[in-house]
Amino acid sequence: MPLTLVIANWKANKNQQEVISWMDKFSSALPESKNLQVVICPAAIHFTLVKDLIQKYNLSGRVSVGLQDLSAFPGGAYTGEVTGRMAESSASYVILGHSERRKYFKETAQQTAQKTIQALDNNIIPVVSVDRDNFREVLGQFDDRELSKIVIMYEPPEAISVQEGPVGTGIPAEVPDIEDMIKTLNQLAPDSKILYGGSVKSANITSFSTIAGLSGAVIGSASLDPDEFIKIIRQI
């Protein structure tokens, strides 16, 4: 089925000038598409800059901005946290429970669930990352109504690009593995959109677009290069 959602996860990369340069190149090359929603998730410090540049280049409606994480708390004395209430009406999506959050920051399934509820309560669409080992634990904390509002990202930790740190191999999951997980996730959350993340690039995106039940992809290191990211979009 055609992919309808592609998310760029910049992680902890890019300074202000690099963000401006990326957006300038991206905006001039973005192809017209009525069916594809592009979401850019910069580091929180560049959130407003990206949002302003989307407006400057008249990309609203085709491109939106999201967060890479969100506080599990509603607000208060939590220095450094970005809460759902702060981001309401500004962020369209937020990536939660990423395997890097679990590995480096020891984030638990319960904390991911708390963050997800904060997103839902503030009208932000949560993109919840799961793998084969934790998907039942994470998704089992939500009722059917909540699950229907959650976008699920299947991301095998071993598939993360080696360019992004010593987490994975940089080899994406095999198509049969993704197909199998989508069937399982569809049974658990039949109304949820499902994305794949893990070393997606222009050289392999077409193989994912043929997978039944897959709605889109989350792009990590390949999204840091605007030319490569545009190549991915052109092939969807």
Protein backbone atom coordinates (compact mmCIF):
# COMPACT_ATOMS: atom_id res chain seq x y z
CA MET A 1 0.00 0.00 0.00
CA PRO A 2 1.21 3.58 -0.59
CA LEU A 3 2.99 5.11 2.38
CA THR A 4 1.25 8.23 3.67
CA LEU A 5 3.45 9.39 6.56
CA VAL A 6 7.21 9.93 6.72
CA ILE A 7 8.92 11.29 9.83
CA ALA A 8 12.44 12.73 9.94
CA ASN A 9 14.06 12.11 13.32
CA TRP A 10 17.14 14.30 13.52
CA LYS A 11 18.02 13.11 17.03
CA ALA A 12 20.85 15.11 18.68
CA ASN A 13 22.17 16.67 15.48
CA LYS A 14 22.36 20.08 13.75
CA ASN A 15 23.10 23.56 14.99
CA GLN A 16 20.99 26.58 14.04
CA GLN A 17 22.75 27.35 10.77
CA GLU A 18 22.62 23.71 9.70
CA VAL A 19 18.87 23.66 10.34
CA ILE A 20 18.41 26.78 8.19
CA SER A 21 20.53 25.33 5.39
CA TRP A 22 18.66 22.00 5.50
CA MET A 23 15.26 23.65 5.34
CA ASP A 24 16.34 25.88 2.46
CA LYS A 25 17.48 22.91 0.35
CA PHE A 26 14.52 20.76 1.37
CA SER A 27 11.89 23.38 0.59
CA SER A 28 13.23 24.03 -2.89
CA ALA A 29 13.23 20.33 -3.83
CA LEU A 30 10.13 18.95 -2.09
CA PRO A 31 7.87 17.38 -4.74
CA GLU A 32 4.14 17.98 -4.82
CA SER A 33 2.18 15.19 -3.16
CA LYS A 34 -1.44 15.15 -2.08
CA ASN A 35 -1.23 11.98 -0.05
CA LEU A 36 2.06 12.20 1.88
CA GLN A 37 2.44 13.95 5.22
CA VAL A 38 6.01 14.87 6.16
CA VAL A 39 6.93 15.46 9.81
CA ILE A 40 10.27 16.91 10.88
CA CYS A 41 11.37 16.19 14.45
CA PRO A 42 14.36 18.37 15.36
CA ALA A 43 15.99 18.71 18.76
CA ALA A 44 13.66 20.66 21.05
CA ILE A 45 15.90 23.75 20.94
CA HIS A 46 15.22 24.07 17.19
CA PHE A 47 11.49 23.29 17.30
CA THR A 48 10.33 26.91 16.90
CA LEU A 49 12.93 27.61 14.20
CA VAL A 50 11.73 24.68 12.09
CA LYS A 51 8.11 25.68 12.61
CA ASP A 52 8.87 29.25 11.49
CA LEU A 53 10.76 28.00 8.41
CA ILE A 54 7.85 25.73 7.46
CA GLN A 55 5.65 28.82 7.44
CA LYS A 56 8.26 30.91 5.62
CA TYR A 57 8.47 28.39 2.77
CA ASN A 58 4.68 27.89 2.63
CA LEU A 59 4.95 24.22 3.52
CA SER A 60 2.13 24.16 6.07
CA GLY A 61 -0.31 21.36 5.35
CA ARG A 62 2.36 19.28 3.63
CA VAL A 63 5.02 19.47 6.32
CA SER A 64 4.61 19.71 10.09
CA VAL A 65 6.93 19.69 13.07
CA GLY A 66 7.11 17.20 15.90
CA LEU A 67 9.05 16.53 19.08
CA GLN A 68 11.53 13.75 19.81
CA ASP A 69 10.32 13.25 23.38
CA LEU A 70 7.88 14.58 25.95
CA SER A 71 7.69 14.78 29.72
CA ALA A 72 5.82 12.10 31.63
CA PHE A 73 4.65 14.86 33.99
CA PRO A 74 1.87 17.39 33.36
CA GLY A 75 3.98 20.33 34.56
CA GLY A 76 5.62 21.80 37.62
CA ALA A 77 9.10 21.65 39.15
CA TYR A 78 10.73 19.36 36.60
CA THR A 79 13.71 21.32 35.33
CA GLY A 80 14.51 20.74 31.67
CA GLU A 81 11.27 18.95 30.79
CA VAL A 82 9.00 19.81 27.85
CA THR A 83 5.40 19.06 28.78
CA GLY A 84 2.43 18.27 26.61
CA ARG A 85 0.69 21.48 27.71
CA MET A 86 3.72 23.51 26.54
CA ALA A 87 3.62 21.86 23.12
CA GLU A 88 -0.15 21.83 22.62
CA SER A 89 -1.18 23.67 19.45
CA SER A 90 2.47 23.71 18.30
CA ALA A 91 3.61 20.10 17.89
CA SER A 92 1.69 17.76 15.65
CA TYR A 93 3.52 14.54 16.57
CA VAL A 94 5.93 13.28 19.21
CA ILE A 95 8.23 10.24 19.10
CA LEU A 96 8.03 8.25 22.33
CA GLY A 97 9.71 5.15 23.74
CA HIS A 98 12.52 5.12 21.19
CA SER A 99 14.99 2.29 21.73
CA GLU A 100 17.72 4.86 22.37
CA ARG A 101 15.64 6.32 25.19
CA ARG A 102 15.33 2.83 26.65
CA LYS A 103 19.03 2.03 26.22
CA TYR A 104 20.71 5.26 27.28
CA PHE A 105 18.14 6.80 29.61
CA LYS A 106 16.67 3.58 31.04
CA GLU A 107 13.15 4.60 30.08
CA THR A 108 10.58 2.02 31.13
CA ALA A 109 7.40 0.90 29.42
CA GLN A 110 5.44 2.59 32.20
CA GLN A 111 7.20 5.92 31.58
CA THR A 112 6.53 5.61 27.84
CA ALA A 113 2.86 5.04 28.63
CA GLN A 114 2.75 8.08 30.90
CA LYS A 115 4.30 10.24 28.18
CA THR A 116 1.85 8.86 25.65
CA ILE A 117 -1.13 9.80 27.83
CA GLN A 118 0.30 13.31 28.24
CA ALA A 119 0.52 13.60 24.45
CA LEU A 120 -3.04 12.36 23.92
CA ASP A 121 -4.37 14.68 26.63
CA ASN A 122 -2.84 17.63 24.79
CA ASN A 123 -3.89 16.71 21.24
CA ILE A 124 -0.43 15.61 20.11
CA ILE A 125 -0.21 12.39 18.10
CA PRO A 126 2.18 9.98 19.84
CA VAL A 127 4.43 7.80 17.69
CA VAL A 128 5.21 4.96 20.07
CA SER A 129 8.27 2.86 19.30
CA VAL A 130 8.14 -0.87 20.00
CA ASP A 131 10.11 -3.98 19.15
CA ARG A 132 9.48 -7.72 19.34
CA ASP A 133 10.49 -7.91 22.98
CA ASN A 134 8.42 -5.09 24.45
CA PHE A 135 5.39 -4.41 22.25
CA ARG A 136 2.92 -6.32 24.41
CA GLU A 137 4.18 -4.66 27.58
CA VAL A 138 4.02 -1.16 26.10
CA LEU A 139 0.79 -1.37 24.11
CA GLY A 140 -0.96 -3.45 26.74
CA GLN A 141 -1.13 -0.37 28.97
CA PHE A 142 -3.67 1.34 26.70
CA ASP A 143 -7.36 0.72 26.13
CA ASP A 144 -8.84 0.38 22.64
CA ARG A 145 -9.81 4.06 22.45
CA GLU A 146 -6.28 5.18 23.31
CA LEU A 147 -4.70 2.65 20.93
CA SER A 148 -6.79 3.95 18.05
CA LYS A 149 -5.16 7.38 18.48
CA ILE A 150 -1.60 6.07 18.70
CA VAL A 151 0.79 5.65 15.75
CA ILE A 152 2.95 2.57 16.31
CA MET A 153 6.52 2.42 15.08
CA TYR A 154 8.09 -1.01 14.76
CA GLU A 155 11.80 -0.46 15.27
CA PRO A 156 14.17 -3.38 15.88
CA PRO A 157 17.06 -1.89 17.91
CA GLU A 158 19.58 -3.92 15.92
CA ALA A 159 18.42 -2.20 12.71
CA ILE A 160 19.39 1.31 13.80
CA SER A 161 22.17 2.86 11.75
CA VAL A 162 25.66 2.39 13.13
CA GLN A 163 26.25 6.05 12.26
CA GLU A 164 23.98 6.99 15.14
CA GLY A 165 25.84 5.18 17.88
CA PRO A 166 26.62 1.67 19.16
CA VAL A 167 22.99 0.54 19.22
CA GLY A 168 22.52 -1.49 16.06
CA THR A 169 24.05 -2.95 12.94
CA GLY A 170 22.75 -0.50 10.37
CA ILE A 171 21.03 -3.37 8.55
CA PRO A 172 17.26 -2.92 8.21
CA ALA A 173 14.85 -5.66 9.15
CA GLU A 174 13.92 -8.14 6.44
CA VAL A 175 10.58 -7.56 4.74
CA PRO A 176 9.10 -10.89 5.99
CA ASP A 177 9.98 -9.88 9.57
CA ILE A 178 8.25 -6.52 9.16
CA GLU A 179 5.21 -8.18 7.55
CA ASP A 180 4.97 -10.63 10.44
CA MET A 181 5.15 -7.88 13.05
CA ILE A 182 2.57 -5.75 11.26
CA LYS A 183 0.11 -8.65 11.28
CA THR A 184 0.70 -9.10 15.00
CA LEU A 185 0.37 -5.39 15.73
CA ASN A 186 -2.77 -5.14 13.61
CA GLN A 187 -4.37 -7.85 15.71
CA LEU A 188 -3.47 -6.00 18.89
CA ALA A 189 -4.29 -2.50 17.62
CA PRO A 190 -6.45 -2.82 14.46
CA ASP A 191 -7.19 0.92 14.22
CA SER A 192 -3.61 2.17 14.64
CA LYS A 193 -1.30 3.35 11.88
CA ILE A 194 1.94 1.38 11.80
CA LEU A 195 5.31 2.74 10.70
CA TYR A 196 8.70 1.08 10.29
CA GLY A 197 11.94 2.61 11.55
CA GLY A 198 15.50 1.32 11.32
CA SER A 199 18.08 2.21 8.64
CA VAL A 200 15.51 3.36 6.09
CA LYS A 201 17.13 5.09 3.12
CA SER A 202 16.48 5.81 -0.56
CA ALA A 203 18.09 2.51 -1.55
CA ASN A 204 15.52 0.42 0.33
CA ILE A 205 12.37 2.53 0.81
CA THR A 206 10.58 0.97 -2.18
CA SER A 207 10.83 -2.49 -0.62
CA PHE A 208 8.92 -1.22 2.42
CA SER A 209 6.21 0.51 0.38
CA THR A 210 4.96 -2.89 -0.83
CA ILE A 211 4.23 -4.16 2.68
CA ALA A 212 0.52 -4.53 3.40
CA GLY A 213 -0.61 -2.57 6.45
CA LEU A 214 2.44 -0.30 6.61
CA SER A 215 1.48 3.38 6.63
CA GLY A 216 4.88 5.03 6.64
CA ALA A 217 8.44 5.21 7.90
CA VAL A 218 10.59 7.00 10.46
CA ILE A 219 13.90 8.11 8.97
CA GLY A 220 16.92 8.61 11.21
CA SER A 221 20.41 9.26 9.83
CA ALA A 222 19.22 9.40 6.21
CA SER A 223 17.03 12.41 7.08
CA LEU A 224 20.06 14.48 8.10
CA ASP A 225 20.95 14.96 4.43
CA PRO A 226 18.18 16.93 2.69
CA ASP A 227 19.08 15.48 -0.72
CA GLU A 228 18.82 11.91 0.57
CA PHE A 229 15.58 12.68 2.38
CA ILE A 230 14.10 14.13 -0.81
CA LYS A 231 15.15 10.99 -2.70
CA ILE A 232 13.24 8.92 -0.15
CA ILE A 233 10.13 11.08 -0.52
CA ARG A 234 10.27 10.88 -4.32
CA GLN A 235 10.23 7.07 -4.15
CA ILE A 236 7.26 6.79 -1.82
